[in-house]
PDB file of N, CA and C in Angstrom:
ATOM      1  N   UNK A   1      62.682 113.146  91.943  1.00  0.00           N
ATOM      2  CA  UNK A   1      64.240 112.813  92.339  1.00  0.00           C
ATOM      3  C   UNK A   1      65.216 113.487  92.537  1.00  0.00           C
ATOM      4  N   UNK A   2      66.148 112.870  93.697  1.00  0.00           N
ATOM      5  CA  UNK A   2      67.274 113.519  94.663  1.00  0.00           C
ATOM      6  C   UNK A   2      68.360 113.823  93.730  1.00  0.00           C
ATOM      7  N   UNK A   3      69.069 114.919  94.537  1.00  0.00           N
ATOM      8  CA  UNK A   3      69.967 115.355  93.718  1.00  0.00           C
ATOM      9  C   UNK A   3      71.159 114.514  94.759  1.00  0.00           C
ATOM     10  N   UNK A   4      72.302 114.252  94.170  1.00  0.00           N
ATOM     11  CA  UNK A   4      73.583 113.445  94.898  1.00  0.00           C
ATOM     12  C   UNK A   4      74.039 114.801  95.894  1.00  0.00           C
ATOM     13  N   UNK A   5      74.720 113.708  97.195  1.00  0.00           N
ATOM     14  CA  UNK A   5      74.973 114.863  97.856  1.00  0.00           C
ATOM     15  C   UNK A   5      76.631 115.378  97.867  1.00  0.00           C
ATOM     16  N   UNK A   6      77.384 115.978  97.800  1.00  0.00           N
ATOM     17  CA  UNK A   6      78.722 116.214  97.593  1.00  0.00           C
ATOM     18  C   UNK A   6      78.924 116.578  98.990  1.00  0.00           C
ATOM     19  N   UNK A   7      80.825 116.705  99.178  1.00  0.00           N
ATOM     20  CA  UNK A   7      81.204 116.916 100.233  1.00  0.00           C
ATOM     21  C   UNK A   7      81.440 118.395 100.126  1.00  0.00           C
ATOM     22  N   UNK A   8      82.037 118.864 101.133  1.00  0.00           N
ATOM     23  CA  UNK A   8      82.302 120.324 101.264  1.00  0.00           C
ATOM     24  C   UNK A   8      83.237 121.113 100.345  1.00  0.00           C
ATOM     25  N   UNK A   9      83.127 122.086  99.855  1.00  0.00           N
ATOM     26  CA  UNK A   9      83.992 122.487  99.032  1.00  0.00           C
ATOM     27  C   UNK A   9      84.181 122.078  97.611  1.00  0.00           C
ATOM     28  N   UNK A  10      83.869 121.118  97.221  1.00  0.00           N
ATOM     29  CA  UNK A  10      84.055 120.286  95.697  1.00  0.00           C
ATOM     30  C   UNK A  10      82.377 120.417  95.657  1.00  0.00           C
ATOM     31  N   UNK A  11      82.139 121.486  94.112  1.00  0.00           N
ATOM     32  CA  UNK A  11      81.150 121.223  93.694  1.00  0.00           C
ATOM     33  C   UNK A  11      81.433 121.203  92.092  1.00  0.00           C
ATOM     34  N   UNK A  12      80.396 120.719  91.410  1.00  0.00           N
ATOM     35  CA  UNK A  12      80.364 120.695  89.746  1.00  0.00           C
ATOM     36  C   UNK A  12      80.588 121.667  88.980  1.00  0.00           C
ATOM     37  N   UNK A  13      79.749 122.675  89.548  1.00  0.00           N
ATOM     38  CA  UNK A  13      79.777 124.029  88.931  1.00  0.00           C
ATOM     39  C   UNK A  13      79.968 124.944  90.149  1.00  0.00           C
ATOM     40  N   UNK A  14      81.121 125.998  90.109  1.00  0.00           N
ATOM     41  CA  UNK A  14      81.258 126.648  91.265  1.00  0.00           C
ATOM     42  C   UNK A  14      80.661 128.319  90.548  1.00  0.00           C
ATOM     43  N   UNK A  15      80.693 128.719  92.089  1.00  0.00           N
ATOM     44  CA  UNK A  15      79.688 129.938  91.672  1.00  0.00           C
ATOM     45  C   UNK A  15      80.509 130.730  91.211  1.00  0.00           C
ATOM     46  N   UNK A  16      80.181 132.311  91.273  1.00  0.00           N
ATOM     47  CA  UNK A  16      81.140 133.205  90.554  1.00  0.00           C
ATOM     48  C   UNK A  16      82.083 133.841  91.553  1.00  0.00           C
ATOM     49  N   UNK A  17      81.613 133.765  92.638  1.00  0.00           N
ATOM     50  CA  UNK A  17      82.976 134.046  93.794  1.00  0.00           C
ATOM     51  C   UNK A  17      84.002 133.051  93.854  1.00  0.00           C
ATOM     52  N   UNK A  18      84.017 131.758  93.412  1.00  0.00           N
ATOM     53  CA  UNK A  18      84.677 130.800  93.962  1.00  0.00           C
ATOM     54  C   UNK A  18      85.347 130.810  92.631  1.00  0.00           C
ATOM     55  N   UNK A  19      85.070 131.499  91.459  1.00  0.00           N
ATOM     56  CA  UNK A  19      85.570 131.337  90.228  1.00  0.00           C
ATOM     57  C   UNK A  19      86.561 132.873  90.178  1.00  0.00           C
ATOM     58  N   UNK A  20      85.875 133.892  91.126  1.00  0.00           N
ATOM     59  CA  UNK A  20      86.848 135.086  90.782  1.00  0.00           C
ATOM     60  C   UNK A  20      88.277 134.980  92.041  1.00  0.00           C
ATOM     61  N   UNK A  21      88.189 133.931  92.647  1.00  0.00           N
ATOM     62  CA  UNK A  21      89.071 133.808  94.015  1.00  0.00           C
ATOM     63  C   UNK A  21      90.024 132.988  92.692  1.00  0.00           C
ATOM     64  N   UNK A  22      90.048 131.737  92.123  1.00  0.00           N
ATOM     65  CA  UNK A  22      90.352 131.293  91.414  1.00  0.00           C
ATOM     66  C   UNK A  22      90.755 131.629  90.248  1.00  0.00           C
ATOM     67  N   UNK A  23      90.585 133.092  89.640  1.00  0.00           N
ATOM     68  CA  UNK A  23      91.251 133.931  88.367  1.00  0.00           C
ATOM     69  C   UNK A  23      92.356 134.330  89.174  1.00  0.00           C
ATOM     70  N   UNK A  24      92.113 134.717  90.246  1.00  0.00           N
ATOM     71  CA  UNK A  24      93.311 135.997  90.833  1.00  0.00           C
ATOM     72  C   UNK A  24      94.793 134.727  91.008  1.00  0.00           C
ATOM     73  N   UNK A  25      94.664 133.294  90.651  1.00  0.00           N
ATOM     74  CA  UNK A  25      96.084 132.510  90.801  1.00  0.00           C
ATOM     75  C   UNK A  25      96.247 132.301  89.474  1.00  0.00           C
ATOM     76  N   UNK A  26      95.796 132.767  88.689  1.00  0.00           N
ATOM     77  CA  UNK A  26      95.806 132.295  87.348  1.00  0.00           C
ATOM     78  C   UNK A  26      96.302 133.057  86.065  1.00  0.00           C
ATOM     79  N   UNK A  27      96.639 132.942  85.227  1.00  0.00           N
ATOM     80  CA  UNK A  27      97.770 133.862  84.202  1.00  0.00           C
ATOM     81  C   UNK A  27      96.407 133.631  83.039  1.00  0.00           C
ATOM     82  N   UNK A  28      95.304 134.322  82.606  1.00  0.00           N
ATOM     83  CA  UNK A  28      94.207 134.480  81.739  1.00  0.00           C
ATOM     84  C   UNK A  28      94.836 135.359  80.132  1.00  0.00           C
ATOM     85  N   UNK A  29      94.740 134.684  79.348  1.00  0.00           N
ATOM     86  CA  UNK A  29      95.428 134.825  78.283  1.00  0.00           C
ATOM     87  C   UNK A  29      94.108 134.808  76.996  1.00  0.00           C
ATOM     88  N   UNK A  30      94.011 136.352  76.591  1.00  0.00           N
ATOM     89  CA  UNK A  30      93.059 136.011  75.090  1.00  0.00           C
ATOM     90  C   UNK A  30      93.623 135.874  74.092  1.00  0.00           C
ATOM     91  N   UNK A  31      93.177 135.449  73.176  1.00  0.00           N
ATOM     92  CA  UNK A  31      93.738 134.921  71.598  1.00  0.00           C
ATOM     93  C   UNK A  31      93.150 134.671  70.706  1.00  0.00           C
ATOM     94  N   UNK A  32      93.175 134.970  69.440  1.00  0.00           N
ATOM     95  CA  UNK A  32      92.428 134.375  68.054  1.00  0.00           C
ATOM     96  C   UNK A  32      93.058 133.100  67.877  1.00  0.00           C
ATOM     97  N   UNK A  33      92.271 132.130  68.011  1.00  0.00           N
ATOM     98  CA  UNK A  33      92.251 130.966  67.158  1.00  0.00           C
ATOM     99  C   UNK A  33      92.014 130.589  66.266  1.00  0.00           C
ATOM    100  N   UNK A  34      92.691 129.458  65.654  1.00  0.00           N
ATOM    101  CA  UNK A  34      92.833 129.251  64.239  1.00  0.00           C
ATOM    102  C   UNK A  34      91.673 128.125  64.234  1.00  0.00           C
ATOM    103  N   UNK A  35      91.772 127.924  62.799  1.00  0.00           N
ATOM    104  CA  UNK A  35      90.668 126.680  62.156  1.00  0.00           C
ATOM    105  C   UNK A  35      89.719 127.346  61.495  1.00  0.00           C
ATOM    106  N   UNK A  36      88.608 126.563  61.103  1.00  0.00           N
ATOM    107  CA  UNK A  36      87.382 127.299  60.156  1.00  0.00           C
ATOM    108  C   UNK A  36      86.657 128.367  60.994  1.00  0.00           C
ATOM    109  N   UNK A  37      85.914 128.989  60.429  1.00  0.00           N
ATOM    110  CA  UNK A  37      85.382 130.110  60.930  1.00  0.00           C
ATOM    111  C   UNK A  37      85.168 131.548  60.673  1.00  0.00           C
ATOM    112  N   UNK A  38      86.145 131.819  59.404  1.00  0.00           N
ATOM    113  CA  UNK A  38      86.144 132.723  58.789  1.00  0.00           C
ATOM    114  C   UNK A  38      86.293 133.862  59.100  1.00  0.00           C
ATOM    115  N   UNK A  39      85.992 135.192  58.780  1.00  0.00           N
ATOM    116  CA  UNK A  39      86.230 136.432  59.145  1.00  0.00           C
ATOM    117  C   UNK A  39      86.306 136.702  60.289  1.00  0.00           C
ATOM    118  N   UNK A  40      85.071 136.470  60.879  1.00  0.00           N
ATOM    119  CA  UNK A  40      84.749 136.315  62.662  1.00  0.00           C
ATOM    120  C   UNK A  40      85.684 135.919  63.703  1.00  0.00           C
ATOM    121  N   UNK A  41      86.027 134.947  62.883  1.00  0.00           N
ATOM    122  CA  UNK A  41      87.087 134.036  63.746  1.00  0.00           C
ATOM    123  C   UNK A  41      88.700 134.268  63.787  1.00  0.00           C
ATOM    124  N   UNK A  42      88.903 134.978  62.613  1.00  0.00           N
ATOM    125  CA  UNK A  42      90.247 135.588  62.774  1.00  0.00           C
ATOM    126  C   UNK A  42      90.188 136.661  62.885  1.00  0.00           C
ATOM    127  N   UNK A  43      89.468 137.520  63.389  1.00  0.00           N
ATOM    128  CA  UNK A  43      89.505 138.843  63.867  1.00  0.00           C
ATOM    129  C   UNK A  43      89.278 139.164  64.867  1.00  0.00           C
ATOM    130  N   UNK A  44      88.549 138.257  65.817  1.00  0.00           N
ATOM    131  CA  UNK A  44      88.248 138.211  67.553  1.00  0.00           C
ATOM    132  C   UNK A  44      89.164 137.681  68.029  1.00  0.00           C
ATOM    133  N   UNK A  45      89.497 138.333  68.995  1.00  0.00           N
ATOM    134  CA  UNK A  45      90.415 137.397  70.204  1.00  0.00           C
ATOM    135  C   UNK A  45      89.608 137.085  71.651  1.00  0.00           C
ATOM    136  N   UNK A  46      88.261 135.816  70.806  1.00  0.00           N
ATOM    137  CA  UNK A  46      87.254 135.110  71.536  1.00  0.00           C
ATOM    138  C   UNK A  46      88.003 134.110  72.273  1.00  0.00           C
ATOM    139  N   UNK A  47      88.892 133.208  71.983  1.00  0.00           N
ATOM    140  CA  UNK A  47      89.639 132.041  72.668  1.00  0.00           C
ATOM    141  C   UNK A  47      90.102 132.577  73.707  1.00  0.00           C
ATOM    142  N   UNK A  48      90.247 131.751  75.130  1.00  0.00           N
ATOM    143  CA  UNK A  48      90.819 131.754  76.603  1.00  0.00           C
ATOM    144  C   UNK A  48      91.413 130.974  76.371  1.00  0.00           C
ATOM    145  N   UNK A  49      92.908 130.886  77.064  1.00  0.00           N
ATOM    146  CA  UNK A  49      93.832 130.168  77.899  1.00  0.00           C
ATOM    147  C   UNK A  49      93.860 130.548  79.228  1.00  0.00           C
ATOM    148  N   UNK A  50      93.519 129.683  80.171  1.00  0.00           N
ATOM    149  CA  UNK A  50      93.725 129.640  81.423  1.00  0.00           C
ATOM    150  C   UNK A  50      94.677 129.232  82.300  1.00  0.00           C
ATOM    151  N   UNK A  51      96.044 129.631  82.675  1.00  0.00           N
ATOM    152  CA  UNK A  51      97.098 128.826  83.168  1.00  0.00           C
ATOM    153  C   UNK A  51      96.754 128.763  84.794  1.00  0.00           C
ATOM    154  N   UNK A  52      97.367 128.165  85.576  1.00  0.00           N
ATOM    155  CA  UNK A  52      97.120 128.211  87.083  1.00  0.00           C
ATOM    156  C   UNK A  52      98.427 128.171  87.512  1.00  0.00           C
ATOM    157  N   UNK A  53      98.779 128.859  87.954  1.00  0.00           N
ATOM    158  CA  UNK A  53      99.956 129.586  87.861  1.00  0.00           C
ATOM    159  C   UNK A  53     100.565 128.521  89.282  1.00  0.00           C
ATOM    160  N   UNK A  54     100.499 128.269  90.812  1.00  0.00           N
ATOM    161  CA  UNK A  54     100.666 127.281  91.300  1.00  0.00           C
ATOM    162  C   UNK A  54     100.841 125.704  90.679  1.00  0.00           C
ATOM    163  N   UNK A  55     100.138 125.394  89.950  1.00  0.00           N
ATOM    164  CA  UNK A  55      99.881 123.971  89.393  1.00  0.00           C
ATOM    165  C   UNK A  55     100.611 124.003  88.445  1.00  0.00           C
ATOM    166  N   UNK A  56     100.556 124.719  87.582  1.00  0.00           N
ATOM    167  CA  UNK A  56     100.764 124.265  86.397  1.00  0.00           C
ATOM    168  C   UNK A  56      99.651 123.758  85.381  1.00  0.00           C
ATOM    169  N   UNK A  57      98.462 123.849  85.683  1.00  0.00           N
ATOM    170  CA  UNK A  57      97.539 123.375  84.960  1.00  0.00           C
ATOM    171  C   UNK A  57      96.876 124.030  83.660  1.00  0.00           C
ATOM    172  N   UNK A  58      97.064 124.080  82.714  1.00  0.00           N
ATOM    173  CA  UNK A  58      96.388 125.124  81.491  1.00  0.00           C
ATOM    174  C   UNK A  58      95.283 124.330  80.666  1.00  0.00           C
ATOM    175  N   UNK A  59      94.294 124.642  80.699  1.00  0.00           N
ATOM    176  CA  UNK A  59      93.073 125.078  79.911  1.00  0.00           C
ATOM    177  C   UNK A  59      92.815 125.923  78.985  1.00  0.00           C
ATOM    178  N   UNK A  60      92.009 125.135  77.993  1.00  0.00           N
ATOM    179  CA  UNK A  60      91.370 126.313  76.968  1.00  0.00           C
ATOM    180  C   UNK A  60      89.849 126.347  76.373  1.00  0.00           C
ATOM    181  N   UNK A  61      89.444 127.640  76.079  1.00  0.00           N
ATOM    182  CA  UNK A  61      87.793 127.526  75.237  1.00  0.00           C
ATOM    183  C   UNK A  61      87.870 128.085  74.292  1.00  0.00           C
ATOM    184  N   UNK A  62      87.653 127.563  73.329  1.00  0.00           N
ATOM    185  CA  UNK A  62      87.384 128.362  71.955  1.00  0.00           C
ATOM    186  C   UNK A  62      86.251 128.296  71.462  1.00  0.00           C
ATOM    187  N   UNK A  63      85.058 127.557  72.230  1.00  0.00           N
ATOM    188  CA  UNK A  63      84.007 126.890  71.388  1.00  0.00           C
ATOM    189  C   UNK A  63      82.744 128.551  71.333  1.00  0.00           C
ATOM    190  N   UNK A  64      82.731 129.243  71.922  1.00  0.00           N
ATOM    191  CA  UNK A  64      81.575 130.084  71.904  1.00  0.00           C
ATOM    192  C   UNK A  64      82.480 131.300  71.419  1.00  0.00           C
ATOM    193  N   UNK A  65      81.743 132.476  70.920  1.00  0.00           N
ATOM    194  CA  UNK A  65      81.903 134.156  70.462  1.00  0.00           C
ATOM    195  C   UNK A  65      82.301 134.651  71.058  1.00  0.00           C
ATOM    196  N   UNK A  66      81.781 134.822  72.405  1.00  0.00           N
ATOM    197  CA  UNK A  66      81.754 135.396  73.114  1.00  0.00           C
ATOM    198  C   UNK A  66      83.810 134.834  74.676  1.00  0.00           C
ATOM    199  N   UNK A  67      83.918 135.937  74.726  1.00  0.00           N
ATOM    200  CA  UNK A  67      85.331 135.518  75.130  1.00  0.00           C
ATOM    201  C   UNK A  67      84.890 135.567  76.975  1.00  0.00           C
ATOM    202  N   UNK A  68      83.984 136.618  76.839  1.00  0.00           N
ATOM    203  CA  UNK A  68      83.846 136.057  78.578  1.00  0.00           C
ATOM    204  C   UNK A  68      83.047 134.679  78.887  1.00  0.00           C
ATOM    205  N   UNK A  69      81.956 134.160  78.063  1.00  0.00           N
ATOM    206  CA  UNK A  69      81.196 132.822  78.242  1.00  0.00           C
ATOM    207  C   UNK A  69      82.817 131.782  77.584  1.00  0.00           C
ATOM    208  N   UNK A  70      83.886 132.215  77.408  1.00  0.00           N
ATOM    209  CA  UNK A  70      85.264 131.241  76.851  1.00  0.00           C
ATOM    210  C   UNK A  70      86.044 131.543  78.423  1.00  0.00           C
ATOM    211  N   UNK A  71      86.100 132.333  78.968  1.00  0.00           N
ATOM    212  CA  UNK A  71      86.724 133.029  80.122  1.00  0.00           C
ATOM    213  C   UNK A  71      86.226 131.846  81.433  1.00  0.00           C
ATOM    214  N   UNK A  72      85.140 131.929  81.395  1.00  0.00           N
ATOM    215  CA  UNK A  72      84.472 131.067  82.070  1.00  0.00           C
ATOM    216  C   UNK A  72      84.285 129.431  82.021  1.00  0.00           C
ATOM    217  N   UNK A  73      84.646 128.959  80.938  1.00  0.00           N
ATOM    218  CA  UNK A  73      84.531 127.883  80.574  1.00  0.00           C
ATOM    219  C   UNK A  73      85.857 127.527  80.957  1.00  0.00           C
ATOM    220  N   UNK A  74      86.715 128.115  80.663  1.00  0.00           N
ATOM    221  CA  UNK A  74      87.928 127.578  80.795  1.00  0.00           C
ATOM    222  C   UNK A  74      88.517 127.734  82.372  1.00  0.00           C
ATOM    223  N   UNK A  75      87.783 128.359  83.040  1.00  0.00           N
ATOM    224  CA  UNK A  75      87.970 128.398  84.594  1.00  0.00           C
ATOM    225  C   UNK A  75      87.264 127.592  85.246  1.00  0.00           C
ATOM    226  N   UNK A  76      86.114 127.145  84.620  1.00  0.00           N
ATOM    227  CA  UNK A  76      85.437 125.806  85.418  1.00  0.00           C
ATOM    228  C   UNK A  76      86.394 124.675  85.073  1.00  0.00           C
ATOM    229  N   UNK A  77      86.788 124.561  83.875  1.00  0.00           N
ATOM    230  CA  UNK A  77      88.101 123.466  83.351  1.00  0.00           C
ATOM    231  C   UNK A  77      89.260 123.414  84.286  1.00  0.00           C
ATOM    232  N   UNK A  78      89.417 124.675  84.951  1.00  0.00           N
ATOM    233  CA  UNK A  78      90.671 124.495  85.829  1.00  0.00           C
ATOM    234  C   UNK A  78      90.429 124.211  86.870  1.00  0.00           C
ATOM    235  N   UNK A  79      89.031 124.448  87.330  1.00  0.00           N
ATOM    236  CA  UNK A  79      88.404 124.035  88.581  1.00  0.00           C
ATOM    237  C   UNK A  79      88.136 122.852  88.740  1.00  0.00           C
ATOM    238  N   UNK A  80      87.609 122.146  87.932  1.00  0.00           N
ATOM    239  CA  UNK A  80      87.681 120.415  87.872  1.00  0.00           C
ATOM    240  C   UNK A  80      88.430 119.881  87.447  1.00  0.00           C
ATOM    241  N   UNK A  81      89.655 120.277  87.312  1.00  0.00           N
ATOM    242  CA  UNK A  81      91.119 119.730  87.358  1.00  0.00           C
ATOM    243  C   UNK A  81      92.041 119.615  88.480  1.00  0.00           C
ATOM    244  N   UNK A  82      91.293 120.796  89.412  1.00  0.00           N
ATOM    245  CA  UNK A  82      91.983 120.986  90.791  1.00  0.00           C
ATOM    246  C   UNK A  82      91.646 120.149  91.424  1.00  0.00           C
ATOM    247  N   UNK A  83      90.074 119.863  91.624  1.00  0.00           N
ATOM    248  CA  UNK A  83      89.017 119.178  92.581  1.00  0.00           C
ATOM    249  C   UNK A  83      89.560 117.909  92.178  1.00  0.00           C
ATOM    250  N   UNK A  84      90.000 117.149  90.612  1.00  0.00           N
ATOM    251  CA  UNK A  84      90.347 116.118  90.549  1.00  0.00           C
ATOM    252  C   UNK A  84      91.748 115.621  91.138  1.00  0.00           C
ATOM    253  N   UNK A  85      92.410 116.826  91.284  1.00  0.00           N
ATOM    254  CA  UNK A  85      93.914 116.446  92.181  1.00  0.00           C
ATOM    255  C   UNK A  85      93.576 116.377  93.527  1.00  0.00           C
ATOM    256  N   UNK A  86      92.559 117.113  94.065  1.00  0.00           N
ATOM    257  CA  UNK A  86      92.403 117.114  95.512  1.00  0.00           C
ATOM    258  C   UNK A  86      91.751 115.787  95.623  1.00  0.00           C
ATOM    259  N   UNK A  87      90.478 114.961  94.895  1.00  0.00           N
ATOM    260  CA  UNK A  87      90.362 113.921  95.568  1.00  0.00           C
ATOM    261  C   UNK A  87      91.408 112.758  95.920  1.00  0.00           C
ATOM    262  N   UNK A  88      91.073 112.188  97.217  1.00  0.00           N
ATOM    263  CA  UNK A  88      92.026 111.373  97.459  1.00  0.00           C
ATOM    264  C   UNK A  88      90.811 109.770  97.272  1.00  0.00           C
ATOM    265  N   UNK A  89      91.740 109.193  96.469  1.00  0.00           N
ATOM    266  CA  UNK A  89      91.653 107.965  96.655  1.00  0.00           C
ATOM    267  C   UNK A  89      91.625 106.792  97.115  1.00  0.00           C
ATOM    268  N   UNK A  90      90.592 105.815  97.611  1.00  0.00           N
ATOM    269  CA  UNK A  90      91.092 104.961  98.595  1.00  0.00           C
ATOM    270  C   UNK A  90      91.602 103.857  98.276  1.00  0.00           C
ATOM    271  N   UNK A  91      92.390 103.424  98.866  1.00  0.00           N
ATOM    272  CA  UNK A  91      93.226 102.592  99.179  1.00  0.00           C
ATOM    273  C   UNK A  91      92.618 100.710  98.327  1.00  0.00           C
ATOM    274  N   UNK A  92      93.280 100.298  97.506  1.00  0.00           N
ATOM    275  CA  UNK A  92      92.480  99.046  97.129  1.00  0.00           C
ATOM    276  C   UNK A  92      93.062  98.061  98.265  1.00  0.00           C
ATOM    277  N   UNK A  93      91.686  97.251  98.384  1.00  0.00           N
ATOM    278  CA  UNK A  93      92.147  96.377  99.285  1.00  0.00           C
ATOM    279  C   UNK A  93      92.241  94.912  99.147  1.00  0.00           C
ATOM    280  N   UNK A  94      93.605  94.368  99.331  1.00  0.00           N
ATOM    281  CA  UNK A  94      93.735  92.645  98.614  1.00  0.00           C
ATOM    282  C   UNK A  94      92.751  91.744  99.208  1.00  0.00           C
ATOM    283  N   UNK A  95      92.148  91.046  98.255  1.00  0.00           N
ATOM    284  CA  UNK A  95      91.079  89.701  98.968  1.00  0.00           C
ATOM    285  C   UNK A  95      91.847  88.617  98.709  1.00  0.00           C
ATOM    286  N   UNK A  96      92.134  88.235  99.811  1.00  0.00           N
ATOM    287  CA  UNK A  96      91.894  86.446  99.520  1.00  0.00           C
ATOM    288  C   UNK A  96      91.140  85.420  98.577  1.00  0.00           C
ATOM    289  N   UNK A  97      91.925  84.778  97.790  1.00  0.00           N
ATOM    290  CA  UNK A  97      91.056  84.219  97.473  1.00  0.00           C
ATOM    291  C   UNK A  97      90.229  82.690  98.061  1.00  0.00           C
ATOM    292  N   UNK A  98      88.696  82.363  97.537  1.00  0.00           N
ATOM    293  CA  UNK A  98      88.229  81.958  98.410  1.00  0.00           C
ATOM    294  C   UNK A  98      88.364  80.508  98.640  1.00  0.00           C
ATOM    295  N   UNK A  99      87.727  79.485  99.566  1.00  0.00           N
ATOM    296  CA  UNK A  99      88.375  78.197  99.796  1.00  0.00           C
ATOM    297  C   UNK A  99      87.839  77.365  98.221  1.00  0.00           C
ATOM    298  N   UNK A 100      86.699  77.420  97.375  1.00  0.00           N
ATOM    299  CA  UNK A 100      86.412  77.007  96.318  1.00  0.00           C
ATOM    300  C   UNK A 100      87.587  77.378  95.346  1.00  0.00           C
ATOM    301  N   UNK A 101      87.962  78.652  95.104  1.00  0.00           N
ATOM    302  CA  UNK A 101      88.891  79.075  94.124  1.00  0.00           C
ATOM    303  C   UNK A 101      90.158  78.561  94.405  1.00  0.00           C
ATOM    304  N   UNK A 102      90.463  78.176  95.752  1.00  0.00           N
ATOM    305  CA  UNK A 102      91.828  77.240  96.037  1.00  0.00           C
ATOM    306  C   UNK A 102      91.857  75.581  95.673  1.00  0.00           C
ATOM    307  N   UNK A 103      90.298  75.299  95.769  1.00  0.00           N
ATOM    308  CA  UNK A 103      89.978  73.602  95.936  1.00  0.00           C
ATOM    309  C   UNK A 103      90.288  73.929  94.224  1.00  0.00           C
ATOM    310  N   UNK A 104      89.276  74.776  93.520  1.00  0.00           N
ATOM    311  CA  UNK A 104      89.416  74.870  92.008  1.00  0.00           C
ATOM    312  C   UNK A 104      91.248  74.574  91.417  1.00  0.00           C
ATOM    313  N   UNK A 105      91.693  75.267  91.626  1.00  0.00           N
ATOM    314  CA  UNK A 105      93.363  75.535  91.639  1.00  0.00           C
ATOM    315  C   UNK A 105      94.121  74.303  92.008  1.00  0.00           C
ATOM    316  N   UNK A 106      93.933  73.640  92.802  1.00  0.00           N
ATOM    317  CA  UNK A 106      94.494  72.192  93.584  1.00  0.00           C
ATOM    318  C   UNK A 106      94.024  71.309  92.480  1.00  0.00           C
ATOM    319  N   UNK A 107      93.018  70.958  92.164  1.00  0.00           N
ATOM    320  CA  UNK A 107      92.657  70.038  91.493  1.00  0.00           C
ATOM    321  C   UNK A 107      92.922  70.211  89.830  1.00  0.00           C
ATOM    322  N   UNK A 108      93.343  71.626  89.580  1.00  0.00           N
ATOM    323  CA  UNK A 108      93.395  71.056  88.310  1.00  0.00           C
ATOM    324  C   UNK A 108      94.806  70.781  87.830  1.00  0.00           C
ATOM    325  N   UNK A 109      95.955  71.237  89.346  1.00  0.00           N
ATOM    326  CA  UNK A 109      97.079  70.798  89.342  1.00  0.00           C
ATOM    327  C   UNK A 109      97.333  69.769  89.483  1.00  0.00           C
ATOM    328  N   UNK A 110      96.383  68.759  90.354  1.00  0.00           N
ATOM    329  CA  UNK A 110      96.763  67.422  90.697  1.00  0.00           C
ATOM    330  C   UNK A 110      96.481  66.948  89.166  1.00  0.00           C
ATOM    331  N   UNK A 111      95.386  67.025  88.337  1.00  0.00           N
ATOM    332  CA  UNK A 111      94.795  66.820  86.794  1.00  0.00           C
ATOM    333  C   UNK A 111      96.312  66.626  86.289  1.00  0.00           C
ATOM    334  N   UNK A 112      97.248  68.197  86.418  1.00  0.00           N
ATOM    335  CA  UNK A 112      98.179  67.937  85.325  1.00  0.00           C
ATOM    336  C   UNK A 112      99.129  66.987  85.568  1.00  0.00           C
ATOM    337  N   UNK A 113      99.301  66.645  86.845  1.00  0.00           N
ATOM    338  CA  UNK A 113     100.087  65.903  87.189  1.00  0.00           C
ATOM    339  C   UNK A 113     100.205  64.761  87.110  1.00  0.00           C
ATOM    340  N   UNK A 114      99.275  64.421  86.979  1.00  0.00           N
ATOM    341  CA  UNK A 114      98.477  62.775  86.582  1.00  0.00           C
ATOM    342  C   UNK A 114      98.819  62.715  85.083  1.00  0.00           C
ATOM    343  N   UNK A 115      98.813  63.738  84.474  1.00  0.00           N
ATOM    344  CA  UNK A 115      98.840  63.713  83.440  1.00  0.00           C
ATOM    345  C   UNK A 115     100.653  63.552  82.467  1.00  0.00           C
ATOM    346  N   UNK A 116     101.074  64.170  83.485  1.00  0.00           N
ATOM    347  CA  UNK A 116     102.151  63.974  83.255  1.00  0.00           C
ATOM    348  C   UNK A 116     103.297  62.614  83.640  1.00  0.00           C
ATOM    349  N   UNK A 117     102.764  62.343  85.066  1.00  0.00           N
ATOM    350  CA  UNK A 117     102.814  60.843  85.186  1.00  0.00           C
ATOM    351  C   UNK A 117     102.222  59.983  84.103  1.00  0.00           C
ATOM    352  N   UNK A 118     101.487  59.689  83.621  1.00  0.00           N
ATOM    353  CA  UNK A 118     101.288  58.953  82.652  1.00  0.00           C
ATOM    354  C   UNK A 118     102.054  59.090  81.344  1.00  0.00           C
ATOM    355  N   UNK A 119     102.305  60.478  81.126  1.00  0.00           N
ATOM    356  CA  UNK A 119     103.603  60.648  79.957  1.00  0.00           C
ATOM    357  C   UNK A 119     104.641  59.554  80.102  1.00  0.00           C
ATOM    358  N   UNK A 120     104.847  59.378  81.294  1.00  0.00           N
ATOM    359  CA  UNK A 120     106.499  58.975  81.725  1.00  0.00           C
ATOM    360  C   UNK A 120     106.417  57.410  80.954  1.00  0.00           C
ATOM    361  N   UNK A 121     107.989  57.106  80.491  1.00  0.00           N
ATOM    362  CA  UNK A 121     108.113  55.732  80.362  1.00  0.00           C
ATOM    363  C   UNK A 121     108.258  54.951  81.258  1.00  0.00           C
ATOM    364  N   UNK A 122     107.296  53.578  81.380  1.00  0.00           N
ATOM    365  CA  UNK A 122     107.422  52.805  82.283  1.00  0.00           C
ATOM    366  C   UNK A 122     108.792  51.958  82.539  1.00  0.00           C
ATOM    367  N   UNK A 123     109.737  52.249  83.654  1.00  0.00           N
ATOM    368  CA  UNK A 123     110.787  51.607  83.705  1.00  0.00           C
ATOM    369  C   UNK A 123     110.335  49.995  83.794  1.00  0.00           C
ATOM    370  N   UNK A 124     111.538  49.282  82.461  1.00  0.00           N
ATOM    371  CA  UNK A 124     111.889  47.775  81.977  1.00  0.00           C
ATOM    372  C   UNK A 124     112.616  47.304  83.035  1.00  0.00           C
ATOM    373  N   UNK A 125     111.931  46.144  83.441  1.00  0.00           N
ATOM    374  CA  UNK A 125     112.823  45.670  84.240  1.00  0.00           C
ATOM    375  C   UNK A 125     113.305  43.863  83.708  1.00  0.00           C
TER     376      UNK A 125
END
């Protein structure tokens, strides 16, 4: 099975060097998350919030007990958001109706016009 090819510069999973470069442009904050989890969750600052300063994109990771893993996950999410922003969407090409579609529409209009003509009262002379 072959892997899909990707354009240069964008990859699904960035390498450590790319994440290190990205981290330089980010504010990274560790904090205690809320919710169920008991003492372990209430006492450790393992959740991570990463804010990309130039764009204002913020992503959070709280799923792991490891601050390092959460930091990496949040940085990858910022990476993906930036990749989505860089993606150039192709312009939609408007298509013209086919000759068969035009004919169907005109036939329906003729039928409707004929029905209206038949509803008119005949002039009495």
